[in-house]
Amino acid sequence: MNSRDRHAPIHDYRDLTFWKDSMALAVEIYRLTNAFPPDERFGMSSQMRRCATSIPANIAEGFGRESRQSFIQYLRISQGSLKELETLAELARRVGLLGGDESEGVASKCTSLGKMLRSLIRKLEQKGQ
């Protein structure tokens, strides 16, 4: 969470910076995978897209459950999808589907988003104790 999130009222998951960032990452993954060869349409491209869309979708679903424990659970699912996406981006780089700059850009965004998710999970867990 950045300073805007701490001071702005949160009425909806769409108000959360990390949800907005995860949506931007998903859009970028769709753009990057559009350049993959057609034989990867049901392989790497599909898997990366599913991971990328799972991140903001689980943030939204967890927020909608209106329970701290459920929200934490769905944030952890988002973390898992994020790590899967990082791994697939690295694999895509190693097999020549993504360039180094593209792969590094995805990795950087994943790292930033992962830090935000971990921070929020810790804060929510502390509030629950």
C-alpha atoms as a PDB file:
ATOM      1  CA  MET A   1       0.000   0.000   0.000  1.00  0.00           C
ATOM      2  CA  ASN A   2       1.292   3.437  -0.733  1.00  0.00           C
ATOM      3  CA  SER A   3       0.612   6.654   1.147  1.00  0.00           C
ATOM      4  CA  ARG A   4      -2.450   7.400  -0.995  1.00  0.00           C
ATOM      5  CA  ASP A   5      -4.048   4.135   0.149  1.00  0.00           C
ATOM      6  CA  ARG A   6      -3.430   4.856   3.834  1.00  0.00           C
ATOM      7  CA  HIS A   7      -5.200   8.208   3.674  1.00  0.00           C
ATOM      8  CA  ALA A   8      -7.919   7.652   1.093  1.00  0.00           C
ATOM      9  CA  PRO A   9     -11.067   5.863   2.196  1.00  0.00           C
ATOM     10  CA  ILE A  10     -11.319   2.303   0.899  1.00  0.00           C
ATOM     11  CA  HIS A  11     -14.869   1.606  -0.190  1.00  0.00           C
ATOM     12  CA  ASP A  12     -14.142  -0.951  -2.861  1.00  0.00           C
ATOM     13  CA  TYR A  13     -11.297  -3.181  -4.043  1.00  0.00           C
ATOM     14  CA  ARG A  14     -10.949  -0.829  -7.049  1.00  0.00           C
ATOM     15  CA  ASP A  15      -9.642   1.806  -4.608  1.00  0.00           C
ATOM     16  CA  LEU A  16      -6.618  -0.368  -3.766  1.00  0.00           C
ATOM     17  CA  THR A  17      -3.359   0.529  -5.507  1.00  0.00           C
ATOM     18  CA  PHE A  18      -2.184  -3.080  -5.583  1.00  0.00           C
ATOM     19  CA  TRP A  19      -5.417  -4.123  -7.338  1.00  0.00           C
ATOM     20  CA  LYS A  20      -4.862  -1.374  -9.941  1.00  0.00           C
ATOM     21  CA  ASP A  21      -1.236  -2.460 -10.361  1.00  0.00           C
ATOM     22  CA  SER A  22      -2.244  -6.106 -10.735  1.00  0.00           C
ATOM     23  CA  MET A  23      -4.765  -5.143 -13.420  1.00  0.00           C
ATOM     24  CA  ALA A  24      -2.054  -3.223 -15.284  1.00  0.00           C
ATOM     25  CA  LEU A  25       0.221  -6.268 -15.046  1.00  0.00           C
ATOM     26  CA  ALA A  26      -2.534  -8.517 -16.450  1.00  0.00           C
ATOM     27  CA  VAL A  27      -3.036  -6.135 -19.382  1.00  0.00           C
ATOM     28  CA  GLU A  28       0.718  -6.165 -20.015  1.00  0.00           C
ATOM     29  CA  ILE A  29       0.797  -9.973 -19.981  1.00  0.00           C
ATOM     30  CA  TYR A  30      -1.984 -10.062 -22.570  1.00  0.00           C
ATOM     31  CA  ARG A  31      -0.024  -7.614 -24.722  1.00  0.00           C
ATOM     32  CA  LEU A  32       3.219  -9.581 -24.392  1.00  0.00           C
ATOM     33  CA  THR A  33       1.627 -12.971 -25.059  1.00  0.00           C
ATOM     34  CA  ASN A  34      -0.075 -11.654 -28.200  1.00  0.00           C
ATOM     35  CA  ALA A  35       3.382 -11.782 -29.770  1.00  0.00           C
ATOM     36  CA  PHE A  36       3.899 -15.458 -28.893  1.00  0.00           C
ATOM     37  CA  PRO A  37       3.754 -17.922 -31.790  1.00  0.00           C
ATOM     38  CA  PRO A  38       0.362 -19.517 -32.564  1.00  0.00           C
ATOM     39  CA  ASP A  39       1.512 -22.925 -31.300  1.00  0.00           C
ATOM     40  CA  GLU A  40       1.810 -21.407 -27.799  1.00  0.00           C
ATOM     41  CA  ARG A  41      -1.805 -20.215 -27.762  1.00  0.00           C
ATOM     42  CA  PHE A  42      -2.916 -23.114 -25.562  1.00  0.00           C
ATOM     43  CA  GLY A  43       0.413 -23.490 -23.765  1.00  0.00           C
ATOM     44  CA  MET A  44       2.561 -20.772 -22.289  1.00  0.00           C
ATOM     45  CA  SER A  45       0.341 -17.912 -23.448  1.00  0.00           C
ATOM     46  CA  SER A  46      -2.786 -19.369 -21.895  1.00  0.00           C
ATOM     47  CA  GLN A  47      -1.040 -20.274 -18.636  1.00  0.00           C
ATOM     48  CA  MET A  48       0.519 -16.822 -18.234  1.00  0.00           C
ATOM     49  CA  ARG A  49      -2.806 -15.151 -18.909  1.00  0.00           C
ATOM     50  CA  ARG A  50      -4.614 -17.323 -16.367  1.00  0.00           C
ATOM     51  CA  CYS A  51      -2.022 -16.497 -13.707  1.00  0.00           C
ATOM     52  CA  ALA A  52      -2.093 -12.796 -14.488  1.00  0.00           C
ATOM     53  CA  THR A  53      -5.885 -12.568 -14.369  1.00  0.00           C
ATOM     54  CA  SER A  54      -6.037 -14.650 -11.193  1.00  0.00           C
ATOM     55  CA  ILE A  55      -4.107 -12.013  -9.235  1.00  0.00           C
ATOM     56  CA  PRO A  56      -6.613  -9.115  -9.391  1.00  0.00           C
ATOM     57  CA  ALA A  57      -9.576 -11.500  -9.508  1.00  0.00           C
ATOM     58  CA  ASN A  58      -8.621 -13.072  -6.174  1.00  0.00           C
ATOM     59  CA  ILE A  59      -7.976  -9.664  -4.609  1.00  0.00           C
ATOM     60  CA  ALA A  60     -11.477  -8.628  -5.648  1.00  0.00           C
ATOM     61  CA  GLU A  61     -13.081 -11.882  -4.515  1.00  0.00           C
ATOM     62  CA  GLY A  62     -11.363 -11.793  -1.140  1.00  0.00           C
ATOM     63  CA  PHE A  63     -12.370  -8.175  -0.583  1.00  0.00           C
ATOM     64  CA  GLY A  64     -15.942  -9.062  -1.469  1.00  0.00           C
ATOM     65  CA  ARG A  65     -16.099 -11.789   1.176  1.00  0.00           C
ATOM     66  CA  GLU A  66     -16.157  -9.038   3.818  1.00  0.00           C
ATOM     67  CA  SER A  67     -14.131 -11.113   6.261  1.00  0.00           C
ATOM     68  CA  ARG A  68     -10.534 -10.385   7.259  1.00  0.00           C
ATOM     69  CA  GLN A  69      -9.603 -14.070   7.256  1.00  0.00           C
ATOM     70  CA  SER A  70     -11.152 -14.656   3.832  1.00  0.00           C
ATOM     71  CA  PHE A  71      -9.442 -11.580   2.431  1.00  0.00           C
ATOM     72  CA  ILE A  72      -6.074 -12.813   3.753  1.00  0.00           C
ATOM     73  CA  GLN A  73      -6.707 -16.249   2.222  1.00  0.00           C
ATOM     74  CA  TYR A  74      -7.455 -14.744  -1.203  1.00  0.00           C
ATOM     75  CA  LEU A  75      -4.468 -12.401  -0.978  1.00  0.00           C
ATOM     76  CA  ARG A  76      -2.310 -15.491  -0.414  1.00  0.00           C
ATOM     77  CA  ILE A  77      -3.839 -17.129  -3.463  1.00  0.00           C
ATOM     78  CA  SER A  78      -2.936 -13.971  -5.396  1.00  0.00           C
ATOM     79  CA  GLN A  79       0.626 -14.295  -4.088  1.00  0.00           C
ATOM     80  CA  GLY A  80       0.799 -17.853  -5.398  1.00  0.00           C
ATOM     81  CA  SER A  81      -0.443 -16.779  -8.819  1.00  0.00           C
ATOM     82  CA  LEU A  82       2.106 -13.972  -8.794  1.00  0.00           C
ATOM     83  CA  LYS A  83       4.974 -16.407  -8.113  1.00  0.00           C
ATOM     84  CA  GLU A  84       3.669 -18.712 -10.831  1.00  0.00           C
ATOM     85  CA  LEU A  85       3.602 -15.794 -13.269  1.00  0.00           C
ATOM     86  CA  GLU A  86       7.179 -14.835 -12.334  1.00  0.00           C
ATOM     87  CA  THR A  87       8.299 -18.394 -13.008  1.00  0.00           C
ATOM     88  CA  LEU A  88       6.493 -18.597 -16.335  1.00  0.00           C
ATOM     89  CA  ALA A  89       7.946 -15.243 -17.450  1.00  0.00           C
ATOM     90  CA  GLU A  90      11.429 -16.525 -16.662  1.00  0.00           C
ATOM     91  CA  LEU A  91      10.733 -19.758 -18.536  1.00  0.00           C
ATOM     92  CA  ALA A  92       9.373 -17.759 -21.486  1.00  0.00           C
ATOM     93  CA  ARG A  93      12.621 -15.778 -21.510  1.00  0.00           C
ATOM     94  CA  ARG A  94      14.745 -18.933 -21.367  1.00  0.00           C
ATOM     95  CA  VAL A  95      12.932 -20.519 -24.316  1.00  0.00           C
ATOM     96  CA  GLY A  96      13.020 -17.312 -26.348  1.00  0.00           C
ATOM     97  CA  LEU A  97       9.383 -16.247 -26.144  1.00  0.00           C
ATOM     98  CA  LEU A  98      10.158 -13.084 -24.161  1.00  0.00           C
ATOM     99  CA  GLY A  99      13.111 -10.768 -24.468  1.00  0.00           C
ATOM    100  CA  GLY A 100      15.299 -10.001 -21.478  1.00  0.00           C
ATOM    101  CA  ASP A 101      13.897  -6.501 -21.047  1.00  0.00           C
ATOM    102  CA  GLU A 102      10.328  -7.788 -21.179  1.00  0.00           C
ATOM    103  CA  SER A 103      11.070 -10.548 -18.691  1.00  0.00           C
ATOM    104  CA  GLU A 104      12.857  -8.143 -16.348  1.00  0.00           C
ATOM    105  CA  GLY A 105       9.939  -5.703 -16.555  1.00  0.00           C
ATOM    106  CA  VAL A 106       7.489  -8.421 -15.560  1.00  0.00           C
ATOM    107  CA  ALA A 107       9.791  -9.605 -12.760  1.00  0.00           C
ATOM    108  CA  SER A 108      10.138  -6.072 -11.417  1.00  0.00           C
ATOM    109  CA  LYS A 109       6.384  -5.531 -11.380  1.00  0.00           C
ATOM    110  CA  CYS A 110       5.864  -8.903  -9.719  1.00  0.00           C
ATOM    111  CA  THR A 111       8.405  -8.050  -7.028  1.00  0.00           C
ATOM    112  CA  SER A 112       6.748  -4.703  -6.318  1.00  0.00           C
ATOM    113  CA  LEU A 113       3.278  -6.208  -6.232  1.00  0.00           C
ATOM    114  CA  GLY A 114       4.489  -9.065  -4.025  1.00  0.00           C
ATOM    115  CA  LYS A 115       5.869  -6.601  -1.482  1.00  0.00           C
ATOM    116  CA  MET A 116       2.554  -4.747  -1.373  1.00  0.00           C
ATOM    117  CA  LEU A 117       0.618  -7.984  -0.888  1.00  0.00           C
ATOM    118  CA  ARG A 118       2.956  -9.235   1.876  1.00  0.00           C
ATOM    119  CA  SER A 119       2.736  -5.894   3.659  1.00  0.00           C
ATOM    120  CA  LEU A 120      -1.049  -5.880   3.604  1.00  0.00           C
ATOM    121  CA  ILE A 121      -1.269  -9.506   4.744  1.00  0.00           C
ATOM    122  CA  ARG A 122       0.979  -8.737   7.716  1.00  0.00           C
ATOM    123  CA  LYS A 123      -1.081  -5.688   8.646  1.00  0.00           C
ATOM    124  CA  LEU A 124      -4.342  -7.612   8.409  1.00  0.00           C
ATOM    125  CA  GLU A 125      -2.922 -10.477  10.490  1.00  0.00           C
ATOM    126  CA  GLN A 126      -1.720  -8.040  13.172  1.00  0.00           C
ATOM    127  CA  LYS A 127      -5.163  -6.430  13.363  1.00  0.00           C
ATOM    128  CA  GLY A 128      -6.711  -9.838  13.893  1.00  0.00           C
ATOM    129  CA  GLN A 129      -4.584 -10.667  16.935  1.00  0.00           C
END
